[in-house]
Amino acid sequence: MIVDRFGRSKQAFIDNLQCEDYEEEGILDLVQLREAISSFDEDLEETLLDYILYYVFIRSKSPDRMEYSVLIKLINDGLE
């Protein structure tokens, strides 16, 4: 579902995530990540958004250091 939702506009989605990453570390906090995803796709179902946040969270160090590169990797792997 994530690949279907963001795959066609992958680069625009990545650019949107990077806009929130002021220090260009590939890391956002939970609120920033949620806002970046929600602002990109305002019609995104809450359950899918929660799953995306959970997916990134369990692969990151903490809610303050959400490594959004794992989300980009998920989309890239799904497009292959």
PDB file of N, CA and C in Angstrom:
ATOM      1  N   MET A   1       0.817  -1.199   0.000  1.00  0.00           N
ATOM      2  CA  MET A   1       0.000   0.000   0.000  1.00  0.00           C
ATOM      3  C   MET A   1       0.864   1.266   0.000  1.00  0.00           C
ATOM      4  N   ILE A   2       1.965   1.208   0.736  1.00  0.00           N
ATOM      5  CA  ILE A   2       2.846   2.378   0.807  1.00  0.00           C
ATOM      6  C   ILE A   2       3.465   2.659  -0.553  1.00  0.00           C
ATOM      7  N   VAL A   3       3.927   1.605  -1.209  1.00  0.00           N
ATOM      8  CA  VAL A   3       4.539   1.769  -2.528  1.00  0.00           C
ATOM      9  C   VAL A   3       3.499   2.279  -3.529  1.00  0.00           C
ATOM     10  N   ASP A   4       2.296   1.726  -3.469  1.00  0.00           N
ATOM     11  CA  ASP A   4       1.230   2.188  -4.360  1.00  0.00           C
ATOM     12  C   ASP A   4       0.919   3.666  -4.134  1.00  0.00           C
ATOM     13  N   ARG A   5       0.944   4.073  -2.894  1.00  0.00           N
ATOM     14  CA  ARG A   5       0.553   5.437  -2.534  1.00  0.00           C
ATOM     15  C   ARG A   5       1.625   6.469  -2.876  1.00  0.00           C
ATOM     16  N   PHE A   6       2.907   6.103  -2.671  1.00  0.00           N
ATOM     17  CA  PHE A   6       3.984   7.077  -2.817  1.00  0.00           C
ATOM     18  C   PHE A   6       4.962   6.778  -3.948  1.00  0.00           C
ATOM     19  N   GLY A   7       4.864   5.602  -4.552  1.00  0.00           N
ATOM     20  CA  GLY A   7       5.822   5.195  -5.574  1.00  0.00           C
ATOM     21  C   GLY A   7       5.824   6.061  -6.818  1.00  0.00           C
ATOM     22  N   ARG A   8       4.650   6.421  -7.302  1.00  0.00           N
ATOM     23  CA  ARG A   8       4.559   7.213  -8.534  1.00  0.00           C
ATOM     24  C   ARG A   8       5.100   8.624  -8.361  1.00  0.00           C
ATOM     25  N   SER A   9       5.043   9.126  -7.166  1.00  0.00           N
ATOM     26  CA  SER A   9       5.534  10.480  -6.892  1.00  0.00           C
ATOM     27  C   SER A   9       6.669  10.428  -5.876  1.00  0.00           C
ATOM     28  N   LYS A  10       7.504   9.413  -6.018  1.00  0.00           N
ATOM     29  CA  LYS A  10       8.572   9.147  -5.049  1.00  0.00           C
ATOM     30  C   LYS A  10       9.481  10.354  -4.836  1.00  0.00           C
ATOM     31  N   GLN A  11       9.957  10.968  -5.911  1.00  0.00           N
ATOM     32  CA  GLN A  11      10.904  12.069  -5.749  1.00  0.00           C
ATOM     33  C   GLN A  11      10.256  13.265  -5.056  1.00  0.00           C
ATOM     34  N   ALA A  12       9.029  13.563  -5.388  1.00  0.00           N
ATOM     35  CA  ALA A  12       8.329  14.665  -4.717  1.00  0.00           C
ATOM     36  C   ALA A  12       8.139  14.344  -3.233  1.00  0.00           C
ATOM     37  N   PHE A  13       7.854  13.080  -2.928  1.00  0.00           N
ATOM     38  CA  PHE A  13       7.701  12.658  -1.533  1.00  0.00           C
ATOM     39  C   PHE A  13       9.032  12.798  -0.786  1.00  0.00           C
ATOM     40  N   ILE A  14      10.115  12.360  -1.401  1.00  0.00           N
ATOM     41  CA  ILE A  14      11.438  12.483  -0.785  1.00  0.00           C
ATOM     42  C   ILE A  14      11.776  13.955  -0.568  1.00  0.00           C
ATOM     43  N   ASP A  15      11.511  14.783  -1.555  1.00  0.00           N
ATOM     44  CA  ASP A  15      11.770  16.222  -1.417  1.00  0.00           C
ATOM     45  C   ASP A  15      10.980  16.810  -0.258  1.00  0.00           C
ATOM     46  N   ASN A  16       9.750  16.359  -0.090  1.00  0.00           N
ATOM     47  CA  ASN A  16       8.909  16.841   1.005  1.00  0.00           C
ATOM     48  C   ASN A  16       9.501  16.446   2.355  1.00  0.00           C
ATOM     49  N   LEU A  17       9.985  15.222   2.471  1.00  0.00           N
ATOM     50  CA  LEU A  17      10.632  14.781   3.710  1.00  0.00           C
ATOM     51  C   LEU A  17      11.891  15.600   3.976  1.00  0.00           C
ATOM     52  N   GLN A  18      12.679  15.821   2.944  1.00  0.00           N
ATOM     53  CA  GLN A  18      13.934  16.552   3.108  1.00  0.00           C
ATOM     54  C   GLN A  18      13.712  18.019   3.451  1.00  0.00           C
ATOM     55  N   CYS A  19      12.587  18.572   3.060  1.00  0.00           N
ATOM     56  CA  CYS A  19      12.276  19.965   3.422  1.00  0.00           C
ATOM     57  C   CYS A  19      12.163  20.140   4.931  1.00  0.00           C
ATOM     58  N   GLU A  20      11.688  19.110   5.611  1.00  0.00           N
ATOM     59  CA  GLU A  20      11.561  19.165   7.071  1.00  0.00           C
ATOM     60  C   GLU A  20      12.897  18.901   7.773  1.00  0.00           C
ATOM     61  N   ASP A  21      13.858  18.343   7.053  1.00  0.00           N
ATOM     62  CA  ASP A  21      15.157  17.959   7.609  1.00  0.00           C
ATOM     63  C   ASP A  21      16.127  19.129   7.480  1.00  0.00           C
ATOM     64  N   TYR A  22      16.030  20.086   8.390  1.00  0.00           N
ATOM     65  CA  TYR A  22      16.798  21.320   8.308  1.00  0.00           C
ATOM     66  C   TYR A  22      18.298  21.091   8.423  1.00  0.00           C
ATOM     67  N   GLU A  23      18.704  20.068   9.143  1.00  0.00           N
ATOM     68  CA  GLU A  23      20.130  19.797   9.334  1.00  0.00           C
ATOM     69  C   GLU A  23      20.659  18.777   8.336  1.00  0.00           C
ATOM     70  N   GLU A  24      19.807  18.309   7.445  1.00  0.00           N
ATOM     71  CA  GLU A  24      20.164  17.371   6.386  1.00  0.00           C
ATOM     72  C   GLU A  24      20.891  16.140   6.919  1.00  0.00           C
ATOM     73  N   GLU A  25      20.327  15.544   7.978  1.00  0.00           N
ATOM     74  CA  GLU A  25      20.901  14.351   8.598  1.00  0.00           C
ATOM     75  C   GLU A  25      20.156  13.078   8.213  1.00  0.00           C
ATOM     76  N   GLY A  26      19.012  13.226   7.567  1.00  0.00           N
ATOM     77  CA  GLY A  26      18.186  12.058   7.276  1.00  0.00           C
ATOM     78  C   GLY A  26      17.368  11.638   8.483  1.00  0.00           C
ATOM     79  N   ILE A  27      17.222  12.577   9.420  1.00  0.00           N
ATOM     80  CA  ILE A  27      16.533  12.288  10.681  1.00  0.00           C
ATOM     81  C   ILE A  27      15.520  13.384  10.973  1.00  0.00           C
ATOM     82  N   LEU A  28      14.318  12.954  11.347  1.00  0.00           N
ATOM     83  CA  LEU A  28      13.270  13.860  11.794  1.00  0.00           C
ATOM     84  C   LEU A  28      12.748  13.360  13.124  1.00  0.00           C
ATOM     85  N   ASP A  29      12.100  14.238  13.880  1.00  0.00           N
ATOM     86  CA  ASP A  29      11.415  13.715  15.058  1.00  0.00           C
ATOM     87  C   ASP A  29      10.028  13.240  14.618  1.00  0.00           C
ATOM     88  N   LEU A  30       9.343  12.577  15.501  1.00  0.00           N
ATOM     89  CA  LEU A  30       8.061  11.963  15.179  1.00  0.00           C
ATOM     90  C   LEU A  30       7.057  12.985  14.638  1.00  0.00           C
ATOM     91  N   VAL A  31       6.984  14.144  15.263  1.00  0.00           N
ATOM     92  CA  VAL A  31       6.032  15.176  14.840  1.00  0.00           C
ATOM     93  C   VAL A  31       6.372  15.686  13.442  1.00  0.00           C
ATOM     94  N   GLN A  32       7.646  15.914  13.173  1.00  0.00           N
ATOM     95  CA  GLN A  32       8.059  16.387  11.852  1.00  0.00           C
ATOM     96  C   GLN A  32       7.744  15.360  10.774  1.00  0.00           C
ATOM     97  N   LEU A  33       8.020  14.086  11.064  1.00  0.00           N
ATOM     98  CA  LEU A  33       7.763  13.033  10.098  1.00  0.00           C
ATOM     99  C   LEU A  33       6.273  12.920   9.813  1.00  0.00           C
ATOM    100  N   ARG A  34       5.481  12.946  10.859  1.00  0.00           N
ATOM    101  CA  ARG A  34       4.024  12.875  10.688  1.00  0.00           C
ATOM    102  C   ARG A  34       3.523  14.048   9.845  1.00  0.00           C
ATOM    103  N   GLU A  35       4.010  15.227  10.135  1.00  0.00           N
ATOM    104  CA  GLU A  35       3.594  16.417   9.398  1.00  0.00           C
ATOM    105  C   GLU A  35       4.026  16.346   7.938  1.00  0.00           C
ATOM    106  N   ALA A  36       5.240  15.891   7.683  1.00  0.00           N
ATOM    107  CA  ALA A  36       5.738  15.795   6.309  1.00  0.00           C
ATOM    108  C   ALA A  36       4.895  14.822   5.494  1.00  0.00           C
ATOM    109  N   ILE A  37       4.550  13.695   6.078  1.00  0.00           N
ATOM    110  CA  ILE A  37       3.743  12.697   5.370  1.00  0.00           C
ATOM    111  C   ILE A  37       2.319  13.209   5.181  1.00  0.00           C
ATOM    112  N   SER A  38       1.748  13.754   6.231  1.00  0.00           N
ATOM    113  CA  SER A  38       0.366  14.256   6.158  1.00  0.00           C
ATOM    114  C   SER A  38       0.214  15.405   5.185  1.00  0.00           C
ATOM    115  N   SER A  39       1.184  16.293   5.144  1.00  0.00           N
ATOM    116  CA  SER A  39       1.079  17.432   4.235  1.00  0.00           C
ATOM    117  C   SER A  39       1.270  17.004   2.781  1.00  0.00           C
ATOM    118  N   PHE A  40       2.010  15.928   2.562  1.00  0.00           N
ATOM    119  CA  PHE A  40       2.190  15.428   1.201  1.00  0.00           C
ATOM    120  C   PHE A  40       0.924  14.768   0.675  1.00  0.00           C
ATOM    121  N   ASP A  41       0.267  14.001   1.546  1.00  0.00           N
ATOM    122  CA  ASP A  41      -0.948  13.291   1.137  1.00  0.00           C
ATOM    123  C   ASP A  41      -2.019  13.523   2.195  1.00  0.00           C
ATOM    124  N   GLU A  42      -2.800  14.554   1.997  1.00  0.00           N
ATOM    125  CA  GLU A  42      -3.806  14.938   2.987  1.00  0.00           C
ATOM    126  C   GLU A  42      -4.943  13.934   3.098  1.00  0.00           C
ATOM    127  N   ASP A  43      -5.108  13.064   2.096  1.00  0.00           N
ATOM    128  CA  ASP A  43      -6.176  12.064   2.109  1.00  0.00           C
ATOM    129  C   ASP A  43      -5.717  10.709   2.638  1.00  0.00           C
ATOM    130  N   LEU A  44      -4.518  10.644   3.160  1.00  0.00           N
ATOM    131  CA  LEU A  44      -3.967   9.382   3.666  1.00  0.00           C
ATOM    132  C   LEU A  44      -4.780   8.888   4.861  1.00  0.00           C
ATOM    133  N   GLU A  45      -5.147   7.624   4.809  1.00  0.00           N
ATOM    134  CA  GLU A  45      -5.911   7.036   5.908  1.00  0.00           C
ATOM    135  C   GLU A  45      -5.059   7.030   7.178  1.00  0.00           C
ATOM    136  N   GLU A  46      -5.696   7.277   8.291  1.00  0.00           N
ATOM    137  CA  GLU A  46      -5.005   7.355   9.577  1.00  0.00           C
ATOM    138  C   GLU A  46      -4.298   6.039   9.911  1.00  0.00           C
ATOM    139  N   THR A  47      -4.908   4.909   9.574  1.00  0.00           N
ATOM    140  CA  THR A  47      -4.283   3.620   9.879  1.00  0.00           C
ATOM    141  C   THR A  47      -3.005   3.415   9.074  1.00  0.00           C
ATOM    142  N   LEU A  48      -2.995   3.860   7.825  1.00  0.00           N
ATOM    143  CA  LEU A  48      -1.781   3.731   7.021  1.00  0.00           C
ATOM    144  C   LEU A  48      -0.701   4.673   7.527  1.00  0.00           C
ATOM    145  N   LEU A  49      -1.072   5.861   7.900  1.00  0.00           N
ATOM    146  CA  LEU A  49      -0.112   6.804   8.476  1.00  0.00           C
ATOM    147  C   LEU A  49       0.488   6.222   9.757  1.00  0.00           C
ATOM    148  N   ASP A  50      -0.343   5.661  10.608  1.00  0.00           N
ATOM    149  CA  ASP A  50       0.151   5.049  11.844  1.00  0.00           C
ATOM    150  C   ASP A  50       1.118   3.902  11.551  1.00  0.00           C
ATOM    151  N   TYR A  51       0.791   3.094  10.531  1.00  0.00           N
ATOM    152  CA  TYR A  51       1.674   1.994  10.176  1.00  0.00           C
ATOM    153  C   TYR A  51       3.022   2.515   9.676  1.00  0.00           C
ATOM    154  N   ILE A  52       3.005   3.550   8.844  1.00  0.00           N
ATOM    155  CA  ILE A  52       4.252   4.135   8.334  1.00  0.00           C
ATOM    156  C   ILE A  52       5.106   4.645   9.490  1.00  0.00           C
ATOM    157  N   LEU A  53       4.482   5.362  10.405  1.00  0.00           N
ATOM    158  CA  LEU A  53       5.221   5.887  11.555  1.00  0.00           C
ATOM    159  C   LEU A  53       5.783   4.756  12.409  1.00  0.00           C
ATOM    160  N   TYR A  54       5.002   3.709  12.610  1.00  0.00           N
ATOM    161  CA  TYR A  54       5.468   2.545  13.365  1.00  0.00           C
ATOM    162  C   TYR A  54       6.642   1.876  12.646  1.00  0.00           C
ATOM    163  N   TYR A  55       6.532   1.702  11.344  1.00  0.00           N
ATOM    164  CA  TYR A  55       7.577   1.074  10.538  1.00  0.00           C
ATOM    165  C   TYR A  55       8.897   1.828  10.691  1.00  0.00           C
ATOM    166  N   VAL A  56       8.842   3.138  10.584  1.00  0.00           N
ATOM    167  CA  VAL A  56      10.057   3.946  10.718  1.00  0.00           C
ATOM    168  C   VAL A  56      10.548   3.918  12.164  1.00  0.00           C
ATOM    169  N   PHE A  57       9.634   3.997  13.114  1.00  0.00           N
ATOM    170  CA  PHE A  57      10.010   4.018  14.531  1.00  0.00           C
ATOM    171  C   PHE A  57      10.777   2.768  14.952  1.00  0.00           C
ATOM    172  N   ILE A  58      10.295   1.591  14.562  1.00  0.00           N
ATOM    173  CA  ILE A  58      10.959   0.366  15.030  1.00  0.00           C
ATOM    174  C   ILE A  58      12.327   0.172  14.385  1.00  0.00           C
ATOM    175  N   ARG A  59      12.605   0.906  13.331  1.00  0.00           N
ATOM    176  CA  ARG A  59      13.902   0.819  12.675  1.00  0.00           C
ATOM    177  C   ARG A  59      14.797   2.014  13.022  1.00  0.00           C
ATOM    178  N   SER A  60      14.345   2.845  13.918  1.00  0.00           N
ATOM    179  CA  SER A  60      15.088   4.036  14.320  1.00  0.00           C
ATOM    180  C   SER A  60      15.471   3.933  15.787  1.00  0.00           C
ATOM    181  N   LYS A  61      16.284   4.877  16.224  1.00  0.00           N
ATOM    182  CA  LYS A  61      16.786   4.852  17.599  1.00  0.00           C
ATOM    183  C   LYS A  61      15.773   5.339  18.625  1.00  0.00           C
ATOM    184  N   SER A  62      14.955   6.313  18.253  1.00  0.00           N
ATOM    185  CA  SER A  62      13.983   6.882  19.186  1.00  0.00           C
ATOM    186  C   SER A  62      12.997   7.758  18.412  1.00  0.00           C
ATOM    187  N   PRO A  63      11.919   8.196  19.061  1.00  0.00           N
ATOM    188  CA  PRO A  63      10.965   9.084  18.385  1.00  0.00           C
ATOM    189  C   PRO A  63      11.580  10.436  18.018  1.00  0.00           C
ATOM    190  N   ASP A  64      12.685  10.776  18.658  1.00  0.00           N
ATOM    191  CA  ASP A  64      13.371  12.031  18.343  1.00  0.00           C
ATOM    192  C   ASP A  64      14.358  11.873  17.198  1.00  0.00           C
ATOM    193  N   ARG A  65      14.612  10.642  16.784  1.00  0.00           N
ATOM    194  CA  ARG A  65      15.584  10.367  15.724  1.00  0.00           C
ATOM    195  C   ARG A  65      15.012   9.359  14.726  1.00  0.00           C
ATOM    196  N   MET A  66      13.942   9.767  14.068  1.00  0.00           N
ATOM    197  CA  MET A  66      13.268   8.907  13.095  1.00  0.00           C
ATOM    198  C   MET A  66      14.024   8.985  11.764  1.00  0.00           C
ATOM    199  N   GLU A  67      14.625   7.888  11.381  1.00  0.00           N
ATOM    200  CA  GLU A  67      15.445   7.826  10.169  1.00  0.00           C
ATOM    201  C   GLU A  67      14.546   7.535   8.964  1.00  0.00           C
ATOM    202  N   TYR A  68      14.146   8.587   8.278  1.00  0.00           N
ATOM    203  CA  TYR A  68      13.193   8.422   7.183  1.00  0.00           C
ATOM    204  C   TYR A  68      13.790   7.712   5.970  1.00  0.00           C
ATOM    205  N   SER A  69      15.083   7.472   5.976  1.00  0.00           N
ATOM    206  CA  SER A  69      15.705   6.732   4.875  1.00  0.00           C
ATOM    207  C   SER A  69      15.164   5.301   4.794  1.00  0.00           C
ATOM    208  N   VAL A  70      14.702   4.739   5.913  1.00  0.00           N
ATOM    209  CA  VAL A  70      14.134   3.385   5.868  1.00  0.00           C
ATOM    210  C   VAL A  70      12.815   3.385   5.092  1.00  0.00           C
ATOM    211  N   LEU A  71      12.095   4.471   5.156  1.00  0.00           N
ATOM    212  CA  LEU A  71      10.854   4.601   4.384  1.00  0.00           C
ATOM    213  C   LEU A  71      11.165   4.732   2.895  1.00  0.00           C
ATOM    214  N   ILE A  72      12.182   5.495   2.572  1.00  0.00           N
ATOM    215  CA  ILE A  72      12.608   5.635   1.181  1.00  0.00           C
ATOM    216  C   ILE A  72      13.086   4.290   0.642  1.00  0.00           C
ATOM    217  N   LYS A  73      13.829   3.544   1.454  1.00  0.00           N
ATOM    218  CA  LYS A  73      14.305   2.220   1.044  1.00  0.00           C
ATOM    219  C   LYS A  73      13.126   1.278   0.797  1.00  0.00           C
ATOM    220  N   LEU A  74      12.127   1.316   1.655  1.00  0.00           N
ATOM    221  CA  LEU A  74      10.939   0.486   1.488  1.00  0.00           C
ATOM    222  C   LEU A  74      10.276   0.779   0.139  1.00  0.00           C
ATOM    223  N   ILE A  75      10.136   2.035  -0.183  1.00  0.00           N
ATOM    224  CA  ILE A  75       9.507   2.408  -1.451  1.00  0.00           C
ATOM    225  C   ILE A  75      10.377   1.970  -2.624  1.00  0.00           C
ATOM    226  N   ASN A  76      11.667   2.220  -2.542  1.00  0.00           N
ATOM    227  CA  ASN A  76      12.585   1.814  -3.622  1.00  0.00           C
ATOM    228  C   ASN A  76      12.567   0.299  -3.831  1.00  0.00           C
ATOM    229  N   ASP A  77      12.610  -0.457  -2.747  1.00  0.00           N
ATOM    230  CA  ASP A  77      12.587  -1.925  -2.846  1.00  0.00           C
ATOM    231  C   ASP A  77      11.278  -2.406  -3.469  1.00  0.00           C
ATOM    232  N   GLY A  78      10.185  -1.762  -3.141  1.00  0.00           N
ATOM    233  CA  GLY A  78       8.887  -2.135  -3.691  1.00  0.00           C
ATOM    234  C   GLY A  78       8.738  -1.813  -5.162  1.00  0.00           C
ATOM    235  N   LEU A  79       9.504  -0.856  -5.635  1.00  0.00           N
ATOM    236  CA  LEU A  79       9.436  -0.463  -7.043  1.00  0.00           C
ATOM    237  C   LEU A  79      10.313  -1.332  -7.937  1.00  0.00           C
ATOM    238  N   GLU A  80      11.220  -2.092  -7.328  1.00  0.00           N
ATOM    239  CA  GLU A  80      12.126  -2.943  -8.120  1.00  0.00           C
ATOM    240  C   GLU A  80      11.442  -4.163  -8.644  1.00  0.00           C
TER     241      GLU A  80
END
